[in-house]
PDB file of N, CA and C in Angstrom:
ATOM      1  N   UNK A   1       0.835  -1.198   0.000  1.00  0.00           N
ATOM      2  CA  UNK A   1       0.000   0.000   0.000  1.00  0.00           C
ATOM      3  C   UNK A   1       0.873   1.253   0.000  1.00  0.00           C
ATOM      4  N   UNK A   2       0.586   2.172  -0.890  1.00  0.00           N
ATOM      5  CA  UNK A   2       1.411   3.377  -1.026  1.00  0.00           C
ATOM      6  C   UNK A   2       0.776   4.541  -0.262  1.00  0.00           C
ATOM      7  N   UNK A   3       1.546   5.136   0.615  1.00  0.00           N
ATOM      8  CA  UNK A   3       1.046   6.251   1.414  1.00  0.00           C
ATOM      9  C   UNK A   3       1.263   7.571   0.690  1.00  0.00           C
ATOM     10  N   UNK A   4       0.547   8.601   1.143  1.00  0.00           N
ATOM     11  CA  UNK A   4       0.693   9.923   0.536  1.00  0.00           C
ATOM     12  C   UNK A   4       2.123  10.438   0.688  1.00  0.00           C
ATOM     13  N   UNK A   5       2.763  10.117   1.815  1.00  0.00           N
ATOM     14  CA  UNK A   5       4.139  10.557   2.065  1.00  0.00           C
ATOM     15  C   UNK A   5       5.075  10.013   0.989  1.00  0.00           C
ATOM     16  N   UNK A   6       4.874   8.758   0.618  1.00  0.00           N
ATOM     17  CA  UNK A   6       5.702   8.139  -0.418  1.00  0.00           C
ATOM     18  C   UNK A   6       5.485   8.831  -1.762  1.00  0.00           C
ATOM     19  N   UNK A   7       4.214   9.157  -2.039  1.00  0.00           N
ATOM     20  CA  UNK A   7       3.870   9.830  -3.288  1.00  0.00           C
ATOM     21  C   UNK A   7       4.517  11.211  -3.349  1.00  0.00           C
ATOM     22  N   UNK A   8       4.435  11.955  -2.241  1.00  0.00           N
ATOM     23  CA  UNK A   8       5.018  13.294  -2.182  1.00  0.00           C
ATOM     24  C   UNK A   8       6.530  13.223  -2.367  1.00  0.00           C
ATOM     25  N   UNK A   9       7.147  12.233  -1.729  1.00  0.00           N
ATOM     26  CA  UNK A   9       8.594  12.054  -1.850  1.00  0.00           C
ATOM     27  C   UNK A   9       8.966  11.735  -3.295  1.00  0.00           C
ATOM     28  N   UNK A  10       8.172  10.909  -3.948  1.00  0.00           N
ATOM     29  CA  UNK A  10       8.438  10.543  -5.334  1.00  0.00           C
ATOM     30  C   UNK A  10       8.336  11.773  -6.227  1.00  0.00           C
ATOM     31  N   UNK A  11       7.378  12.662  -5.929  1.00  0.00           N
ATOM     32  CA  UNK A  11       7.225  13.891  -6.694  1.00  0.00           C
ATOM     33  C   UNK A  11       8.429  14.810  -6.523  1.00  0.00           C
ATOM     34  N   UNK A  12       9.020  14.809  -5.322  1.00  0.00           N
ATOM     35  CA  UNK A  12      10.165  15.679  -5.046  1.00  0.00           C
ATOM     36  C   UNK A  12      11.449  15.148  -5.673  1.00  0.00           C
ATOM     37  N   UNK A  13      11.452  13.867  -6.033  1.00  0.00           N
ATOM     38  CA  UNK A  13      12.641  13.278  -6.650  1.00  0.00           C
ATOM     39  C   UNK A  13      12.809  13.785  -8.080  1.00  0.00           C
ATOM     40  N   UNK A  14      14.067  13.929  -8.535  1.00  0.00           N
ATOM     41  CA  UNK A  14      14.337  14.270  -9.936  1.00  0.00           C
ATOM     42  C   UNK A  14      13.928  13.099 -10.823  1.00  0.00           C
ATOM     43  N   UNK A  15      12.666  13.028 -11.141  1.00  0.00           N
ATOM     44  CA  UNK A  15      12.087  11.813 -11.719  1.00  0.00           C
ATOM     45  C   UNK A  15      12.443  11.590 -13.188  1.00  0.00           C
ATOM     46  N   UNK A  16      13.494  12.238 -13.687  1.00  0.00           N
ATOM     47  CA  UNK A  16      13.906  12.007 -15.072  1.00  0.00           C
ATOM     48  C   UNK A  16      14.164  10.524 -15.313  1.00  0.00           C
ATOM     49  N   UNK A  17      14.795   9.879 -14.326  1.00  0.00           N
ATOM     50  CA  UNK A  17      15.087   8.456 -14.444  1.00  0.00           C
ATOM     51  C   UNK A  17      13.920   7.610 -13.935  1.00  0.00           C
ATOM     52  N   UNK A  18      12.933   8.278 -13.345  1.00  0.00           N
ATOM     53  CA  UNK A  18      11.813   7.560 -12.737  1.00  0.00           C
ATOM     54  C   UNK A  18      10.519   7.718 -13.545  1.00  0.00           C
ATOM     55  N   UNK A  19      10.616   8.330 -14.717  1.00  0.00           N
ATOM     56  CA  UNK A  19       9.410   8.571 -15.510  1.00  0.00           C
ATOM     57  C   UNK A  19       8.697   7.264 -15.834  1.00  0.00           C
ATOM     58  N   UNK A  20       9.493   6.242 -16.218  1.00  0.00           N
ATOM     59  CA  UNK A  20       8.909   4.933 -16.508  1.00  0.00           C
ATOM     60  C   UNK A  20       8.297   4.332 -15.262  1.00  0.00           C
ATOM     61  N   UNK A  21       9.024   4.436 -14.151  1.00  0.00           N
ATOM     62  CA  UNK A  21       8.549   3.909 -12.877  1.00  0.00           C
ATOM     63  C   UNK A  21       7.327   4.689 -12.409  1.00  0.00           C
ATOM     64  N   UNK A  22       7.340   6.001 -12.636  1.00  0.00           N
ATOM     65  CA  UNK A  22       6.235   6.859 -12.225  1.00  0.00           C
ATOM     66  C   UNK A  22       4.944   6.452 -12.934  1.00  0.00           C
ATOM     67  N   UNK A  23       5.059   6.128 -14.223  1.00  0.00           N
ATOM     68  CA  UNK A  23       3.890   5.716 -14.987  1.00  0.00           C
ATOM     69  C   UNK A  23       3.286   4.443 -14.401  1.00  0.00           C
ATOM     70  N   UNK A  24       4.164   3.489 -14.047  1.00  0.00           N
ATOM     71  CA  UNK A  24       3.702   2.241 -13.441  1.00  0.00           C
ATOM     72  C   UNK A  24       3.123   2.502 -12.057  1.00  0.00           C
ATOM     73  N   UNK A  25       3.760   3.433 -11.328  1.00  0.00           N
ATOM     74  CA  UNK A  25       3.297   3.779  -9.991  1.00  0.00           C
ATOM     75  C   UNK A  25       1.907   4.394 -10.071  1.00  0.00           C
ATOM     76  N   UNK A  26       1.660   5.222 -11.092  1.00  0.00           N
ATOM     77  CA  UNK A  26       0.366   5.878 -11.250  1.00  0.00           C
ATOM     78  C   UNK A  26      -0.739   4.827 -11.396  1.00  0.00           C
ATOM     79  N   UNK A  27      -0.453   3.767 -12.162  1.00  0.00           N
ATOM     80  CA  UNK A  27      -1.424   2.694 -12.349  1.00  0.00           C
ATOM     81  C   UNK A  27      -1.704   1.983 -11.031  1.00  0.00           C
ATOM     82  N   UNK A  28      -0.646   1.705 -10.267  1.00  0.00           N
ATOM     83  CA  UNK A  28      -0.794   1.019  -8.984  1.00  0.00           C
ATOM     84  C   UNK A  28      -1.582   1.873  -8.001  1.00  0.00           C
ATOM     85  N   UNK A  29      -1.265   3.160  -7.969  1.00  0.00           N
ATOM     86  CA  UNK A  29      -1.950   4.087  -7.077  1.00  0.00           C
ATOM     87  C   UNK A  29      -3.407   4.233  -7.502  1.00  0.00           C
ATOM     88  N   UNK A  30      -3.651   4.209  -8.801  1.00  0.00           N
ATOM     89  CA  UNK A  30      -5.008   4.309  -9.318  1.00  0.00           C
ATOM     90  C   UNK A  30      -5.856   3.153  -8.810  1.00  0.00           C
ATOM     91  N   UNK A  31      -5.264   1.975  -8.726  1.00  0.00           N
ATOM     92  CA  UNK A  31      -5.967   0.807  -8.194  1.00  0.00           C
ATOM     93  C   UNK A  31      -6.276   0.981  -6.715  1.00  0.00           C
ATOM     94  N   UNK A  32      -5.428   1.759  -6.028  1.00  0.00           N
ATOM     95  CA  UNK A  32      -5.642   2.026  -4.604  1.00  0.00           C
ATOM     96  C   UNK A  32      -6.550   3.236  -4.399  1.00  0.00           C
ATOM     97  N   UNK A  33      -7.076   3.784  -5.501  1.00  0.00           N
ATOM     98  CA  UNK A  33      -7.981   4.932  -5.474  1.00  0.00           C
ATOM     99  C   UNK A  33      -7.316   6.185  -4.907  1.00  0.00           C
ATOM    100  N   UNK A  34      -5.989   6.278  -5.098  1.00  0.00           N
ATOM    101  CA  UNK A  34      -5.275   7.487  -4.672  1.00  0.00           C
ATOM    102  C   UNK A  34      -4.913   8.295  -5.909  1.00  0.00           C
ATOM    103  N   UNK A  35      -5.222   9.567  -5.899  1.00  0.00           N
ATOM    104  CA  UNK A  35      -4.947  10.410  -7.062  1.00  0.00           C
ATOM    105  C   UNK A  35      -3.479  10.813  -7.075  1.00  0.00           C
ATOM    106  N   UNK A  36      -2.768  10.440  -8.134  1.00  0.00           N
ATOM    107  CA  UNK A  36      -1.333  10.706  -8.230  1.00  0.00           C
ATOM    108  C   UNK A  36      -1.008  11.358  -9.564  1.00  0.00           C
ATOM    109  N   UNK A  37      -0.348  12.514  -9.510  1.00  0.00           N
ATOM    110  CA  UNK A  37       0.060  13.194 -10.737  1.00  0.00           C
ATOM    111  C   UNK A  37       1.581  13.205 -10.829  1.00  0.00           C
ATOM    112  N   UNK A  38       2.154  12.447 -11.769  1.00  0.00           N
ATOM    113  CA  UNK A  38       3.608  12.381 -11.928  1.00  0.00           C
ATOM    114  C   UNK A  38       4.201  13.735 -12.269  1.00  0.00           C
ATOM    115  N   UNK A  39       5.223  14.153 -11.532  1.00  0.00           N
ATOM    116  CA  UNK A  39       5.867  15.442 -11.777  1.00  0.00           C
ATOM    117  C   UNK A  39       6.677  15.403 -13.065  1.00  0.00           C
ATOM    118  N   UNK A  40       6.621  16.445 -13.862  1.00  0.00           N
ATOM    119  CA  UNK A  40       7.350  16.473 -15.123  1.00  0.00           C
ATOM    120  C   UNK A  40       6.465  15.952 -16.231  1.00  0.00           C
TER     121      UNK A  40
END
């Protein structure tokens, strides 16, 4: 289960290398009914 704190931390990360991971994370979070907007 992904907490809001984890999501906020992920947003603060220089997600250039995490864009692919962020997309997958968005799908996982969507299943958890948490609204997540990937930074960048």
